[in-house]
């Protein structure tokens, strides 16, 4: 997809991009869990980080 795209994106284009982004997010969460421990869901950007009692 070019930056200088002259036609608007369709709803289908947007949904395809969203699905691709979600796949990448899942892979990143899995990689973080493998590198630093924990569950992949612990690394969700929309989930608050526990303060550890601080």
N, C-alpha and C. Protein backbone atom coordinates (compact mmCIF):
# COMPACT_ATOMS: atom_id res chain seq x y z
N UNK A 1 0.84 -1.17 0.00
CA UNK A 1 0.00 0.00 0.00
C UNK A 1 0.90 1.24 0.00
N UNK A 2 0.71 2.07 -0.96
CA UNK A 2 1.56 3.24 -1.13
C UNK A 2 1.10 4.39 -0.26
N UNK A 3 2.05 5.17 0.17
CA UNK A 3 1.75 6.33 0.99
C UNK A 3 0.95 7.37 0.21
N UNK A 4 1.17 7.45 -1.08
CA UNK A 4 0.49 8.44 -1.92
C UNK A 4 -0.73 7.85 -2.61
N UNK A 5 -1.39 6.95 -1.94
CA UNK A 5 -2.57 6.27 -2.48
C UNK A 5 -3.62 7.31 -2.84
N UNK A 6 -4.18 7.20 -4.04
CA UNK A 6 -5.15 8.19 -4.49
C UNK A 6 -6.59 7.75 -4.28
N UNK A 7 -6.82 6.47 -4.03
CA UNK A 7 -8.18 5.99 -3.77
C UNK A 7 -8.32 5.65 -2.30
N UNK A 8 -9.48 5.90 -1.75
CA UNK A 8 -9.68 5.58 -0.34
C UNK A 8 -9.62 4.08 -0.09
N UNK A 9 -9.24 3.73 1.13
CA UNK A 9 -9.22 2.33 1.52
C UNK A 9 -10.66 1.85 1.70
N UNK A 10 -10.89 0.62 1.33
CA UNK A 10 -12.21 0.04 1.54
C UNK A 10 -12.29 -0.53 2.96
N UNK A 11 -13.49 -0.81 3.38
CA UNK A 11 -13.67 -1.45 4.69
C UNK A 11 -12.93 -2.78 4.72
N UNK A 12 -12.93 -3.50 3.60
CA UNK A 12 -12.22 -4.77 3.52
C UNK A 12 -10.71 -4.57 3.69
N UNK A 13 -10.16 -3.52 3.07
CA UNK A 13 -8.73 -3.20 3.23
C UNK A 13 -8.39 -2.94 4.69
N UNK A 14 -9.24 -2.16 5.33
CA UNK A 14 -9.01 -1.81 6.74
C UNK A 14 -9.08 -3.05 7.61
N UNK A 15 -10.04 -3.92 7.37
CA UNK A 15 -10.17 -5.14 8.17
C UNK A 15 -8.96 -6.05 7.97
N UNK A 16 -8.47 -6.14 6.73
CA UNK A 16 -7.28 -6.95 6.45
C UNK A 16 -6.07 -6.40 7.21
N UNK A 17 -5.92 -5.10 7.23
CA UNK A 17 -4.83 -4.49 7.99
C UNK A 17 -4.97 -4.75 9.48
N UNK A 18 -6.17 -4.61 10.00
CA UNK A 18 -6.39 -4.86 11.43
C UNK A 18 -6.04 -6.29 11.80
N UNK A 19 -6.42 -7.23 10.96
CA UNK A 19 -6.10 -8.63 11.23
C UNK A 19 -4.59 -8.85 11.22
N UNK A 20 -3.91 -8.25 10.27
CA UNK A 20 -2.45 -8.37 10.21
C UNK A 20 -1.77 -7.77 11.43
N UNK A 21 -2.26 -6.62 11.86
CA UNK A 21 -1.69 -5.98 13.04
C UNK A 21 -1.91 -6.85 14.27
N UNK A 22 -3.10 -7.43 14.40
CA UNK A 22 -3.37 -8.29 15.57
C UNK A 22 -2.47 -9.51 15.57
N UNK A 23 -2.21 -10.08 14.40
CA UNK A 23 -1.30 -11.23 14.32
C UNK A 23 0.10 -10.83 14.80
N UNK A 24 0.56 -9.68 14.37
CA UNK A 24 1.89 -9.21 14.78
C UNK A 24 1.92 -8.94 16.27
N UNK A 25 0.87 -8.33 16.81
CA UNK A 25 0.80 -8.05 18.25
C UNK A 25 0.90 -9.35 19.04
N UNK A 26 0.19 -10.39 18.59
CA UNK A 26 0.22 -11.67 19.28
C UNK A 26 1.63 -12.26 19.25
N UNK A 27 2.28 -12.18 18.09
CA UNK A 27 3.65 -12.70 17.98
C UNK A 27 4.60 -11.95 18.91
N UNK A 28 4.44 -10.65 19.00
CA UNK A 28 5.30 -9.85 19.89
C UNK A 28 5.05 -10.24 21.34
N UNK A 29 3.78 -10.40 21.72
CA UNK A 29 3.48 -10.80 23.11
C UNK A 29 4.09 -12.16 23.41
N UNK A 30 4.01 -13.09 22.46
CA UNK A 30 4.60 -14.42 22.67
C UNK A 30 6.12 -14.33 22.80
N UNK A 31 6.75 -13.51 21.98
CA UNK A 31 8.20 -13.33 22.06
C UNK A 31 8.61 -12.70 23.39
N UNK A 32 7.86 -11.70 23.84
CA UNK A 32 8.17 -11.07 25.13
C UNK A 32 8.04 -12.08 26.27
N UNK A 33 7.00 -12.89 26.24
CA UNK A 33 6.80 -13.90 27.28
C UNK A 33 7.94 -14.92 27.25
N UNK A 34 8.39 -15.29 26.06
CA UNK A 34 9.49 -16.25 25.95
C UNK A 34 10.79 -15.64 26.48
N UNK A 35 11.02 -14.37 26.21
CA UNK A 35 12.26 -13.71 26.64
C UNK A 35 12.26 -13.33 28.11
N UNK A 36 11.11 -12.87 28.62
CA UNK A 36 11.08 -12.32 29.97
C UNK A 36 10.21 -13.10 30.94
N UNK A 37 9.56 -14.15 30.47
CA UNK A 37 8.72 -14.95 31.34
C UNK A 37 7.30 -14.43 31.40
N UNK A 38 6.47 -15.22 32.00
CA UNK A 38 5.07 -14.85 32.14
C UNK A 38 4.24 -15.38 30.98
N UNK A 39 3.05 -14.92 30.93
CA UNK A 39 2.08 -15.32 29.93
C UNK A 39 2.01 -14.24 28.85
N UNK A 40 1.81 -14.61 27.59
CA UNK A 40 1.71 -13.58 26.55
C UNK A 40 0.67 -12.51 26.85
N UNK A 41 -0.41 -12.89 27.51
CA UNK A 41 -1.44 -11.90 27.85
C UNK A 41 -0.95 -10.87 28.87
N UNK A 42 0.14 -11.18 29.57
CA UNK A 42 0.72 -10.22 30.51
C UNK A 42 1.30 -9.01 29.78
N UNK A 43 1.52 -9.14 28.49
CA UNK A 43 2.19 -8.10 27.71
C UNK A 43 1.23 -7.36 26.78
N UNK A 44 -0.03 -7.33 27.13
CA UNK A 44 -1.01 -6.59 26.34
C UNK A 44 -0.86 -5.10 26.63
N UNK A 45 -0.85 -4.30 25.60
CA UNK A 45 -0.71 -2.85 25.75
C UNK A 45 -1.93 -2.22 26.43
N UNK A 46 -3.07 -2.85 26.30
CA UNK A 46 -4.29 -2.27 26.88
C UNK A 46 -4.55 -2.78 28.30
N UNK A 47 -3.61 -3.52 28.86
CA UNK A 47 -3.77 -4.08 30.20
C UNK A 47 -2.86 -3.31 31.16
N UNK A 48 -3.39 -2.83 32.29
CA UNK A 48 -2.55 -2.10 33.24
C UNK A 48 -1.42 -2.98 33.79
N UNK A 49 -0.30 -2.38 34.01
CA UNK A 49 0.85 -3.09 34.59
C UNK A 49 0.72 -3.04 36.11
N UNK A 50 0.78 -4.20 36.78
CA UNK A 50 0.71 -4.17 38.24
C UNK A 50 1.89 -3.39 38.80
N UNK A 51 1.66 -2.64 39.86
CA UNK A 51 2.74 -1.79 40.40
C UNK A 51 3.66 -2.55 41.35
N UNK A 52 3.36 -3.80 41.63
CA UNK A 52 4.22 -4.58 42.52
C UNK A 52 4.23 -4.10 43.95
N UNK A 53 3.16 -3.42 44.35
CA UNK A 53 3.05 -2.95 45.72
C UNK A 53 3.80 -1.67 45.99
N UNK A 54 4.26 -1.00 44.95
CA UNK A 54 5.00 0.26 45.15
C UNK A 54 4.08 1.41 45.37
